[in-house]
Structure formats: structure tokens, C-alpha cells
Protein backbone atom coordinates (compact mmCIF):
# COMPACT_ATOMS: atom_id res chain seq x y z
CA MET A 1 0.00 0.00 0.00
CA LYS A 2 2.84 2.39 0.72
CA ASN A 3 4.27 1.75 -2.75
CA GLU A 4 0.96 2.68 -4.42
CA LYS A 5 0.75 5.99 -2.53
CA LYS A 6 4.32 6.87 -3.42
CA LYS A 7 3.74 5.91 -7.03
CA SER A 8 0.66 8.12 -7.34
CA LYS A 9 2.54 11.10 -5.86
CA LEU A 10 5.53 10.72 -8.14
CA TYR A 11 3.67 10.15 -11.38
CA PRO A 12 0.67 12.35 -12.16
CA SER A 13 -2.34 10.78 -13.77
CA ARG A 14 -3.06 10.81 -17.49
CA GLU A 15 -5.84 13.40 -16.99
CA ALA A 16 -3.33 15.82 -15.49
CA PHE A 17 -1.15 15.54 -18.64
CA ILE A 18 -4.15 16.21 -20.88
CA PHE A 19 -5.19 19.23 -18.77
CA HIS A 20 -1.63 20.58 -18.80
CA ARG A 21 -1.44 20.22 -22.58
CA SER A 22 -4.70 22.13 -23.08
CA MET A 23 -3.35 25.08 -20.99
CA ARG A 24 -0.25 25.63 -23.14
CA GLY A 25 -1.13 28.95 -24.85
CA THR A 26 -2.87 30.65 -21.95
CA VAL A 27 0.24 32.38 -20.63
CA SER A 28 0.89 33.93 -24.04
CA VAL A 29 -2.68 35.18 -24.35
CA GLU A 30 -2.64 36.59 -20.81
CA MET A 31 0.67 38.31 -21.52
CA VAL A 32 -0.72 39.97 -24.66
CA PHE A 33 -3.70 41.36 -22.73
CA PHE A 34 -1.45 42.54 -19.92
CA LEU A 35 0.96 44.25 -22.33
CA LEU A 36 -1.89 46.07 -24.10
CA VAL A 37 -3.15 47.51 -20.83
CA PHE A 38 0.37 48.22 -19.58
CA VAL A 39 1.48 50.03 -22.76
CA VAL A 40 -1.61 52.26 -22.77
CA ALA A 41 -1.24 53.05 -19.05
CA PHE A 42 2.52 53.68 -19.36
CA PHE A 43 2.30 56.05 -22.31
CA GLY A 44 -0.78 57.68 -20.78
CA ALA A 45 1.23 58.50 -17.67
CA ILE A 46 4.06 59.90 -19.79
CA GLU A 47 1.63 62.08 -21.76
CA LEU A 48 0.03 63.33 -18.56
CA ALA A 49 3.45 64.31 -17.22
CA ARG A 50 4.27 65.99 -20.54
CA GLU A 51 1.04 67.99 -20.49
CA VAL A 52 1.65 69.16 -16.93
CA SER A 53 5.22 70.10 -17.87
CA VAL A 54 4.11 72.09 -20.93
CA LYS A 55 1.40 73.84 -18.91
CA HIS A 56 3.96 74.75 -16.23
CA ALA A 57 6.41 76.11 -18.81
CA LEU A 58 3.59 78.14 -20.35
CA ASP A 59 2.65 79.47 -16.93
CA VAL A 60 6.22 80.47 -16.06
CA GLY A 61 6.78 82.09 -19.46
CA THR A 62 3.53 84.04 -19.26
CA TYR A 63 4.36 85.25 -15.77
CA ARG A 64 7.80 86.44 -16.89
CA ALA A 65 6.32 88.11 -19.96
CA ALA A 66 3.73 89.93 -17.80
CA ARG A 67 6.46 91.11 -15.42
CA TYR A 68 8.53 92.32 -18.36
CA LEU A 69 5.56 94.17 -19.87
CA SER A 70 4.88 95.83 -16.52
CA ILE A 71 8.27 97.55 -16.88
CA VAL A 72 8.46 97.90 -20.70
CA PRO A 73 4.80 98.04 -21.81
CA ASN A 74 5.39 98.61 -25.52
CA ASP A 75 7.73 95.64 -26.25
CA GLN A 76 5.31 92.78 -26.88
CA LEU A 77 7.59 90.93 -29.29
CA THR A 78 10.21 90.33 -26.60
CA ALA A 79 7.48 89.21 -24.19
CA ARG A 80 6.19 86.68 -26.73
CA ASN A 81 9.74 85.41 -27.31
CA MET A 82 10.14 84.94 -23.54
CA ILE A 83 7.12 82.63 -23.48
CA GLN A 84 8.32 80.70 -26.54
CA PHE A 85 11.78 80.32 -24.98
CA GLU A 86 10.27 78.76 -21.83
CA LEU A 87 8.28 76.31 -23.95
CA ASN A 88 11.33 75.37 -26.01
CA MET A 89 13.42 74.76 -22.88
CA ASN A 90 10.83 72.35 -21.48
CA VAL A 91 12.42 69.06 -20.37
CA LEU A 92 9.69 66.80 -21.80
CA GLY A 93 9.56 68.49 -25.18
CA GLY A 94 8.19 71.73 -26.41
CA ALA A 95 4.81 72.48 -27.83
CA GLY A 96 3.84 74.37 -30.94
CA SER A 97 4.06 78.06 -31.56
CA VAL A 98 2.64 80.24 -28.80
CA VAL A 99 -0.11 82.78 -29.42
CA MET A 100 0.07 85.74 -27.05
CA THR A 101 -2.55 88.45 -26.60
CA VAL A 102 -2.22 91.47 -24.35
CA GLU A 103 -5.25 93.38 -23.12
CA MET A 104 -3.91 96.78 -22.08
CA ALA A 105 -6.25 99.79 -21.91
CA SER A 106 -3.42 102.31 -21.75
CA GLN A 107 0.28 102.41 -21.02
CA SER A 108 0.01 104.77 -18.09
CA PHE A 109 1.31 104.09 -14.57
CA GLN A 110 -0.70 101.57 -12.44
CA THR A 111 -2.90 100.44 -15.36
CA VAL A 112 -3.89 96.82 -14.92
CA PHE A 113 -3.41 94.60 -17.97
CA SER A 114 -3.52 90.89 -18.70
CA VAL A 115 -1.38 88.61 -20.82
CA THR A 116 -2.97 85.50 -22.31
CA ALA A 117 -0.82 82.76 -23.84
CA GLU A 118 -2.19 79.79 -25.75
CA VAL A 119 -0.46 76.80 -27.25
CA PRO A 120 -1.96 73.79 -29.09
CA TYR A 121 -1.42 70.41 -27.46
CA GLN A 122 -2.02 66.96 -28.95
CA PRO A 123 -1.65 63.94 -26.63
CA VAL A 124 -0.12 60.90 -28.35
CA ILE A 125 -0.94 57.55 -26.74
CA PRO A 126 -0.68 54.28 -28.70
CA LEU A 127 -4.03 52.60 -29.48
CA MET A 128 -5.95 55.74 -28.46
CA ILE A 129 -7.05 58.84 -30.32
CA PHE A 130 -7.51 62.19 -28.58
CA ALA A 131 -8.76 65.45 -30.00
CA PRO A 132 -6.24 68.30 -29.97
CA LYS A 133 -6.74 70.88 -27.28
CA THR A 134 -5.43 74.31 -26.39
CA LEU A 135 -3.55 75.02 -23.19
CA ARG A 136 -4.25 78.57 -21.99
CA VAL A 137 -2.71 80.68 -19.22
CA ILE A 138 -3.68 84.21 -18.15
CA HIS A 139 -1.60 86.51 -15.92
CA SER A 140 -2.58 90.00 -14.81
CA GLN A 141 -0.17 92.73 -13.83
CA SER A 142 -0.09 96.49 -13.38
CA ILE A 143 2.26 98.79 -15.21
CA GLU A 144 5.14 99.79 -12.93
CA ALA A 145 7.09 101.97 -15.34
CA TYR A 146 6.69 105.53 -14.18
CA PRO A 147 6.72 107.99 -17.13
């Protein structure tokens, strides 16, 4: 009796071999499904970080441009170039060309104005399609240059 118990533990039954043979491709199929989800989640996280980085660079550039325009209110080209420079120096890649608008009633001392900067942004994630969007930042400032 001891020999029969040992024999059954050492050698699996014929049904176990048939079951094992029918499970051969399951690991490959499970791996494909896992990789699809993983790739989308991985590149989605990278695109989210890139969008936050571009938005931050746009925010910093717009702030610097507004501060510059508070001292030199008639030099909008340099202010726009300051925003574009911040976007180009972004670690995770720049965005497109920036569109800057300045709403300034007059260029007299203590006049409040606002600088709006917009840049198009298109997320790129494999297996997914997103509509392009526009990232927009607005900063207000008052003119500090005394005439």
C-alpha cells in the first residue's frame, strides 16, 4: 500500500497531462492582454506628465512676460519670445508656436493689464485617439514703469 501511494505522488495521472497540454497557450494570451493595458497606461502616464510640464512652462513664461511688460509696456515681441523660450526649454519636449494676446487699456502708470498665452497640445498615446486641445494661461499685472 505504501508503494501505491508513493507511485501516485511521483507520477501524475493521465488526466493531469491532458489538462496541462490544453493550458499551453494561456500564458501567451494573458501576456498579450497585460501588455496592451500596460502600454496604454505607461504612455498615458508619460503624456500626462508631458502635459503638466508644458502647462507649467507656459505658466512660467507668461508670468515672466507679464512682469517684463509691466516695466516695458510697448515691447510685446520680446514678451512673446520669452514665453516661446520657456516652452522650447521644457524638459519633456516643447509644444507648438505660442499665441500671445495682451489686453492693455493704456500704457500709463498703475494700469492693470492681462497677458494670455495659448499653445496647441495633442496627446499621443498608442491605441488611443484624442482630439487636440489648447492650453491657456492668463496673468494679470499692473504697469510699474513711471513715465
